N, C-alpha and C. Protein backbone atom coordinates (compact mmCIF):
# COMPACT_ATOMS: atom_id res chain seq x y z
N UNK A 1 -125.73 -122.74 34.66
CA UNK A 1 -123.72 -122.71 34.88
C UNK A 1 -123.43 -121.72 33.56
N UNK A 2 -124.57 -122.18 32.09
CA UNK A 2 -123.60 -121.38 30.35
C UNK A 2 -124.54 -120.09 30.69
N UNK A 3 -125.61 -119.90 31.67
CA UNK A 3 -126.46 -118.81 31.60
C UNK A 3 -125.24 -117.52 32.23
N UNK A 4 -124.65 -117.72 33.77
CA UNK A 4 -123.69 -117.44 34.45
C UNK A 4 -122.84 -116.56 33.69
N UNK A 5 -121.69 -117.65 32.89
CA UNK A 5 -120.82 -117.81 32.44
C UNK A 5 -121.22 -116.28 30.77
N UNK A 6 -122.60 -116.41 30.76
CA UNK A 6 -122.57 -115.28 29.61
C UNK A 6 -123.12 -114.33 30.59
N UNK A 7 -123.83 -114.08 31.62
CA UNK A 7 -124.08 -112.67 32.18
C UNK A 7 -122.32 -112.32 32.35
N UNK A 8 -121.38 -113.32 33.20
CA UNK A 8 -119.89 -113.09 34.10
C UNK A 8 -119.28 -112.40 32.65
N UNK A 9 -119.44 -112.72 31.33
CA UNK A 9 -118.58 -112.46 30.55
C UNK A 9 -119.25 -111.47 30.01
N UNK A 10 -120.20 -111.02 30.02
CA UNK A 10 -120.77 -109.71 29.36
C UNK A 10 -120.80 -108.49 30.76
N UNK A 11 -120.46 -108.67 31.90
CA UNK A 11 -120.61 -107.19 32.55
C UNK A 11 -118.65 -107.14 32.23
N UNK A 12 -118.04 -108.13 32.43
CA UNK A 12 -116.71 -107.80 32.11
C UNK A 12 -116.62 -107.40 31.21
N UNK A 13 -117.17 -107.58 29.89
CA UNK A 13 -116.70 -106.79 28.81
C UNK A 13 -117.86 -104.69 28.60
N UNK A 14 -118.09 -105.32 29.28
CA UNK A 14 -118.86 -103.99 29.78
C UNK A 14 -118.41 -103.31 31.44
N UNK A 15 -117.50 -102.86 31.50
CA UNK A 15 -117.26 -102.60 32.97
C UNK A 15 -116.21 -101.97 31.89
N UNK A 16 -115.15 -103.29 31.42
CA UNK A 16 -114.05 -102.63 30.86
C UNK A 16 -113.70 -102.18 29.10
N UNK A 17 -114.93 -101.67 27.81
CA UNK A 17 -115.45 -100.69 27.19
C UNK A 17 -114.69 -99.34 27.45
N UNK A 18 -115.62 -98.64 28.53
CA UNK A 18 -114.87 -97.34 28.83
C UNK A 18 -114.02 -96.94 28.98
N UNK A 19 -113.37 -97.06 30.29
CA UNK A 19 -112.09 -97.79 29.96
C UNK A 19 -110.79 -97.44 28.05
N UNK A 20 -111.29 -98.51 27.97
CA UNK A 20 -110.74 -98.58 26.51
C UNK A 20 -111.18 -97.73 25.33
N UNK A 21 -112.40 -97.27 25.53
CA UNK A 21 -112.90 -95.42 24.90
C UNK A 21 -112.56 -94.52 25.17
N UNK A 22 -111.92 -94.34 26.72
CA UNK A 22 -111.89 -92.95 26.86
C UNK A 22 -109.89 -92.69 26.63
N UNK A 23 -108.62 -93.84 26.58
CA UNK A 23 -107.64 -94.24 26.77
C UNK A 23 -107.33 -94.31 25.19
N UNK A 24 -109.10 -94.84 24.11
CA UNK A 24 -108.05 -94.62 22.47
C UNK A 24 -108.66 -93.38 22.08
N UNK A 25 -109.91 -92.86 22.49
CA UNK A 25 -110.09 -90.29 23.17
C UNK A 25 -108.83 -90.04 22.59
N UNK A 26 -107.90 -90.43 24.47
CA UNK A 26 -107.33 -89.18 23.63
C UNK A 26 -105.51 -89.69 23.46
N UNK A 27 -104.67 -91.07 22.69
CA UNK A 27 -103.70 -90.94 22.10
C UNK A 27 -104.24 -91.02 20.30
N UNK A 28 -105.62 -90.85 20.79
CA UNK A 28 -106.11 -91.24 19.36
C UNK A 28 -105.49 -89.68 18.53
N UNK A 29 -105.84 -88.77 19.43
CA UNK A 29 -105.61 -87.89 18.54
C UNK A 29 -105.10 -86.92 18.26
N UNK A 30 -104.85 -86.01 17.13
CA UNK A 30 -104.12 -85.95 16.23
C UNK A 30 -102.90 -84.27 17.14
N UNK A 31 -101.77 -84.18 16.24
CA UNK A 31 -100.65 -82.81 17.67
C UNK A 31 -101.11 -81.76 17.36
N UNK A 32 -101.62 -81.40 18.43
CA UNK A 32 -101.35 -80.09 18.27
C UNK A 32 -100.02 -79.09 17.46
N UNK A 33 -100.45 -78.73 16.05
CA UNK A 33 -99.03 -77.42 16.43
C UNK A 33 -98.40 -76.48 16.64
N UNK A 34 -99.61 -76.43 17.55
CA UNK A 34 -98.97 -75.51 18.99
C UNK A 34 -98.78 -75.53 19.68
N UNK A 35 -98.48 -77.26 20.44
CA UNK A 35 -97.64 -77.45 21.15
C UNK A 35 -96.23 -77.69 20.91
N UNK A 36 -95.84 -77.33 19.78
CA UNK A 36 -94.52 -77.07 19.31
C UNK A 36 -94.46 -79.76 17.92
N UNK A 37 -95.82 -79.93 18.21
CA UNK A 37 -95.41 -81.28 17.25
C UNK A 37 -94.44 -81.36 15.70
N UNK A 38 -93.80 -82.56 16.11
CA UNK A 38 -93.12 -82.43 14.77
C UNK A 38 -93.58 -83.47 13.61
N UNK A 39 -93.31 -82.33 12.71
CA UNK A 39 -94.58 -82.91 11.38
C UNK A 39 -92.67 -84.25 11.03
N UNK A 40 -93.32 -85.69 11.01
CA UNK A 40 -92.69 -86.42 10.49
C UNK A 40 -93.19 -85.95 8.77
N UNK A 41 -91.76 -86.32 7.64
CA UNK A 41 -92.33 -85.77 6.02
C UNK A 41 -92.35 -87.47 5.71
N UNK A 42 -93.42 -87.32 5.03
CA UNK A 42 -94.02 -88.63 4.55
C UNK A 42 -92.55 -89.33 3.67
N UNK A 43 -92.55 -90.72 2.84
CA UNK A 43 -92.00 -91.21 2.56
C UNK A 43 -90.91 -90.30 0.71
N UNK A 44 -92.34 -90.01 0.26
CA UNK A 44 -92.48 -89.30 -1.15
C UNK A 44 -91.12 -88.16 -0.36
N UNK A 45 -92.19 -87.04 0.55
CA UNK A 45 -90.96 -86.35 0.54
C UNK A 45 -89.81 -86.51 0.68
N UNK A 46 -89.19 -87.60 1.66
CA UNK A 46 -87.78 -87.29 1.75
C UNK A 46 -87.80 -87.47 0.89
N UNK A 47 -87.83 -88.30 -0.12
CA UNK A 47 -87.26 -89.50 -1.80
C UNK A 47 -87.18 -87.47 -2.44
N UNK A 48 -88.06 -86.54 -2.43
CA UNK A 48 -87.81 -86.24 -3.20
C UNK A 48 -86.82 -84.86 -2.41
N UNK A 49 -86.18 -84.12 -1.46
CA UNK A 49 -85.12 -84.60 -1.04
C UNK A 49 -83.86 -84.20 -1.22
N UNK A 50 -83.91 -86.11 -0.95
CA UNK A 50 -83.05 -86.63 -1.82
C UNK A 50 -82.20 -86.63 -2.46
N UNK A 51 -83.14 -86.54 -3.61
CA UNK A 51 -82.83 -86.07 -5.05
C UNK A 51 -82.49 -85.08 -5.52
N UNK A 52 -83.33 -83.67 -4.75
CA UNK A 52 -82.51 -82.46 -4.17
C UNK A 52 -80.43 -82.70 -4.14
N UNK A 53 -80.73 -82.75 -2.87
CA UNK A 53 -79.44 -82.78 -2.79
C UNK A 53 -78.21 -84.05 -3.05
N UNK A 54 -78.82 -84.40 -3.46
CA UNK A 54 -78.40 -85.23 -4.54
C UNK A 54 -77.82 -84.10 -5.92
N UNK A 55 -78.73 -83.74 -6.22
CA UNK A 55 -78.67 -82.06 -7.18
C UNK A 55 -78.00 -81.72 -7.22
N UNK A 56 -77.74 -81.23 -6.44
CA UNK A 56 -76.76 -79.78 -5.90
C UNK A 56 -75.00 -80.72 -5.48
N UNK A 57 -75.93 -81.49 -4.89
CA UNK A 57 -74.23 -81.48 -4.55
C UNK A 57 -73.56 -82.47 -5.93
N UNK A 58 -74.30 -82.45 -7.06
CA UNK A 58 -73.80 -83.50 -8.14
C UNK A 58 -73.58 -84.49 -8.09
N UNK A 59 -74.36 -85.44 -7.47
CA UNK A 59 -74.19 -87.04 -7.36
C UNK A 59 -74.63 -87.30 -7.79
N UNK A 60 -75.13 -88.58 -8.27
CA UNK A 60 -76.00 -89.22 -9.72
C UNK A 60 -76.64 -90.83 -9.23
N UNK A 61 -77.17 -90.99 -9.49
CA UNK A 61 -77.43 -92.64 -8.45
C UNK A 61 -76.84 -93.35 -9.21
N UNK A 62 -76.22 -93.40 -10.16
CA UNK A 62 -75.44 -93.97 -10.78
C UNK A 62 -74.18 -94.38 -10.00
N UNK A 63 -73.45 -92.56 -9.67
CA UNK A 63 -72.81 -93.00 -8.70
C UNK A 63 -72.58 -94.01 -7.29
N UNK A 64 -73.86 -93.27 -6.86
CA UNK A 64 -74.13 -94.76 -5.44
C UNK A 64 -74.84 -95.50 -5.34
N UNK A 65 -75.13 -96.93 -6.95
CA UNK A 65 -75.78 -97.34 -7.29
C UNK A 65 -74.87 -98.34 -6.51
N UNK A 66 -73.42 -98.96 -7.23
CA UNK A 66 -72.18 -99.96 -6.54
C UNK A 66 -72.01 -100.29 -5.06
N UNK A 67 -72.22 -98.96 -4.93
CA UNK A 67 -71.89 -99.29 -2.73
C UNK A 67 -73.17 -99.90 -1.94
N UNK A 68 -72.79 -100.35 -0.71
CA UNK A 68 -73.61 -100.17 0.40
C UNK A 68 -74.42 -99.53 0.86
N UNK A 69 -74.55 -99.04 1.53
CA UNK A 69 -76.10 -98.44 2.23
C UNK A 69 -75.38 -97.94 3.01
N UNK A 70 -74.40 -98.43 4.06
CA UNK A 70 -72.89 -97.18 4.31
C UNK A 70 -72.06 -96.24 3.64
N UNK A 71 -71.92 -97.44 3.03
CA UNK A 71 -70.88 -96.11 1.80
C UNK A 71 -71.71 -95.02 1.50
N UNK A 72 -72.90 -95.31 1.61
CA UNK A 72 -73.94 -94.16 0.21
C UNK A 72 -73.45 -93.24 1.16
N UNK A 73 -74.95 -93.49 2.09
CA UNK A 73 -74.92 -92.03 3.26
C UNK A 73 -72.89 -91.64 3.70
N UNK A 74 -72.40 -92.52 4.15
CA UNK A 74 -71.11 -91.78 4.33
C UNK A 74 -70.30 -90.05 3.11
N UNK A 75 -70.41 -90.77 2.02
CA UNK A 75 -70.29 -90.26 0.47
C UNK A 75 -71.69 -89.12 1.01
N UNK A 76 -72.23 -88.79 0.77
CA UNK A 76 -73.23 -88.82 0.84
C UNK A 76 -73.76 -87.42 1.89
N UNK A 77 -73.30 -87.76 2.95
CA UNK A 77 -72.51 -87.21 4.04
C UNK A 77 -70.82 -86.02 4.05
N UNK A 78 -70.31 -87.03 3.12
CA UNK A 78 -68.70 -86.21 3.56
C UNK A 78 -69.14 -84.52 2.14
N UNK A 79 -69.95 -85.03 1.29
CA UNK A 79 -69.74 -84.18 -0.20
C UNK A 79 -71.02 -83.24 0.51
N UNK A 80 -72.11 -83.67 1.26
CA UNK A 80 -72.76 -82.51 1.69
C UNK A 80 -71.92 -81.24 2.42
N UNK A 81 -70.95 -82.11 4.52
CA UNK A 81 -70.16 -81.51 5.09
C UNK A 81 -69.35 -80.12 4.16
N UNK A 82 -68.53 -81.29 3.22
CA UNK A 82 -67.36 -79.72 1.40
C UNK A 82 -68.78 -78.96 1.62
N UNK A 83 -69.48 -78.82 1.18
CA UNK A 83 -70.37 -77.99 0.03
C UNK A 83 -71.01 -77.41 1.23
N UNK A 84 -71.58 -78.21 3.19
CA UNK A 84 -71.58 -76.33 3.67
C UNK A 84 -71.05 -75.50 4.01
N UNK A 85 -69.94 -76.08 3.78
CA UNK A 85 -68.69 -75.55 4.29
C UNK A 85 -68.17 -74.03 3.49
N UNK A 86 -67.75 -74.16 2.24
CA UNK A 86 -68.02 -73.95 0.39
C UNK A 86 -68.71 -72.69 1.06
N UNK A 87 -70.39 -73.31 0.93
CA UNK A 87 -71.69 -72.23 0.94
C UNK A 87 -70.92 -71.17 2.08
N UNK A 88 -70.92 -71.91 3.20
CA UNK A 88 -70.43 -71.01 3.86
C UNK A 88 -69.75 -70.18 3.86
N UNK A 89 -68.42 -70.31 3.49
CA UNK A 89 -67.56 -69.54 3.41
C UNK A 89 -68.16 -68.59 2.22
N UNK A 90 -68.67 -68.47 1.35
CA UNK A 90 -69.59 -67.25 0.23
C UNK A 90 -69.99 -66.38 0.72
N UNK A 91 -70.72 -67.23 2.38
CA UNK A 91 -71.67 -66.09 2.42
C UNK A 91 -70.25 -65.37 3.54
N UNK A 92 -69.29 -65.97 4.36
CA UNK A 92 -69.25 -65.24 4.29
C UNK A 92 -68.65 -64.03 3.99
N UNK A 93 -68.17 -64.47 3.61
CA UNK A 93 -67.85 -63.42 2.61
C UNK A 93 -68.86 -62.27 1.58
N UNK A 94 -70.11 -62.41 1.51
CA UNK A 94 -70.93 -61.54 0.41
C UNK A 94 -70.79 -61.96 -1.04
N UNK A 95 -70.46 -63.13 -0.88
CA UNK A 95 -70.51 -63.60 -2.74
C UNK A 95 -71.13 -64.71 -2.70
N UNK A 96 -72.41 -65.05 -1.54
CA UNK A 96 -73.35 -66.15 -1.87
C UNK A 96 -74.59 -65.05 -2.67
N UNK A 97 -75.40 -66.32 -4.31
CA UNK A 97 -76.20 -66.13 -4.77
C UNK A 97 -77.33 -66.42 -4.02
N UNK A 98 -78.29 -65.97 -4.77
CA UNK A 98 -79.51 -66.19 -4.37
C UNK A 98 -79.94 -67.95 -4.47
N UNK A 99 -79.81 -68.03 -6.08
CA UNK A 99 -79.79 -70.09 -6.59
C UNK A 99 -78.62 -70.65 -4.57
N UNK A 100 -77.73 -69.43 -4.51
CA UNK A 100 -76.31 -71.34 -3.58
C UNK A 100 -77.13 -70.46 -1.31
N UNK A 101 -77.67 -69.66 -1.60
CA UNK A 101 -78.58 -69.87 -0.93
C UNK A 101 -78.78 -70.61 -0.07
N UNK A 102 -80.12 -71.36 -1.50
CA UNK A 102 -80.66 -71.68 -1.02
C UNK A 102 -80.69 -73.32 -1.59
N UNK A 103 -79.68 -73.61 -1.74
CA UNK A 103 -78.91 -74.76 -1.32
C UNK A 103 -77.91 -75.26 0.03
N UNK A 104 -77.36 -74.02 0.32
CA UNK A 104 -77.56 -74.03 1.46
C UNK A 104 -78.69 -74.62 2.29
N UNK A 105 -79.59 -73.87 1.90
CA UNK A 105 -81.02 -74.00 3.56
C UNK A 105 -81.38 -75.70 2.67
N UNK A 106 -80.98 -75.87 2.14
CA UNK A 106 -81.44 -77.57 2.11
C UNK A 106 -81.03 -77.84 2.29
N UNK A 107 -79.68 -78.21 1.98
CA UNK A 107 -78.48 -78.94 2.57
C UNK A 107 -77.81 -78.47 4.28
N UNK A 108 -78.76 -77.88 5.30
CA UNK A 108 -78.52 -77.84 6.35
C UNK A 108 -79.96 -78.84 6.76
N UNK A 109 -81.10 -78.54 5.69
CA UNK A 109 -81.84 -79.16 6.46
C UNK A 109 -81.77 -80.86 6.86
N UNK A 110 -80.98 -80.74 5.24
CA UNK A 110 -80.83 -81.90 5.20
C UNK A 110 -79.98 -83.02 6.65
N UNK A 111 -78.63 -81.81 6.26
CA UNK A 111 -78.34 -82.50 7.96
C UNK A 111 -78.34 -82.63 8.63
N UNK A 112 -79.33 -81.99 9.58
CA UNK A 112 -79.75 -81.64 10.07
C UNK A 112 -81.33 -82.35 10.62
N UNK A 113 -81.55 -82.96 9.95
CA UNK A 113 -82.33 -83.79 9.45
C UNK A 113 -81.97 -85.02 9.84
N UNK A 114 -80.40 -85.69 9.50
CA UNK A 114 -79.56 -86.39 9.65
C UNK A 114 -79.02 -86.93 10.84
N UNK A 115 -78.80 -85.37 11.29
CA UNK A 115 -77.66 -85.44 12.12
C UNK A 115 -79.01 -86.48 13.61
N UNK A 116 -80.29 -85.35 14.16
CA UNK A 116 -81.08 -86.52 14.61
C UNK A 116 -81.46 -87.46 14.83
N UNK A 117 -82.03 -88.51 13.59
CA UNK A 117 -81.69 -89.62 13.82
C UNK A 117 -81.21 -90.78 13.14
N UNK A 118 -79.70 -89.79 13.55
CA UNK A 118 -78.70 -91.30 13.73
C UNK A 118 -78.42 -91.76 14.29
N UNK A 119 -78.18 -93.45 14.61
CA UNK A 119 -78.48 -94.36 15.11
C UNK A 119 -77.37 -94.33 16.27
N UNK A 120 -76.90 -94.82 17.46
CA UNK A 120 -76.23 -93.69 18.33
C UNK A 120 -74.77 -95.05 17.72
N UNK A 121 -73.83 -95.27 17.86
CA UNK A 121 -72.93 -96.01 17.27
C UNK A 121 -72.49 -95.60 15.67
N UNK A 122 -73.65 -94.93 14.74
CA UNK A 122 -73.29 -94.85 12.90
C UNK A 122 -72.57 -93.19 12.82
C-alpha cells in the first residue's frame, strides 16, 4: 500500500511539473521595452523626485510635518497646479528661463504620475 501511494505521488508530481515550469517561464520574463512596458520608479527615485518637487514649490518638510497625509497631498497638489499655471503663462509669453522650463517639465511629470496613480474617490 505504501509503495502504491509513493508511486502515485511521484507520478502526480511528474505530471504537474512540466506545466508549472512552462507557466513560470512565461511570467518571470522581463518586459520588453519595445512592447511599451512602463518602468516603475524605485522608492529612492520617487523620494528624489518628491524632494525636487518640494524644492521647486518652496515647501519644506517642516511645513508638511504637522499635516495629515491627505492634507499634505492636497497642499502639494495645489501648489504644483498653481506653479504649473504660472509657468505655462510665462511659456506662452515667451519669458520662460531654462531653469523654469526644467521646473515645468519636472512638475508636469510629477502631476501626470500622481494623476495616473490616484485612487478612485480621492
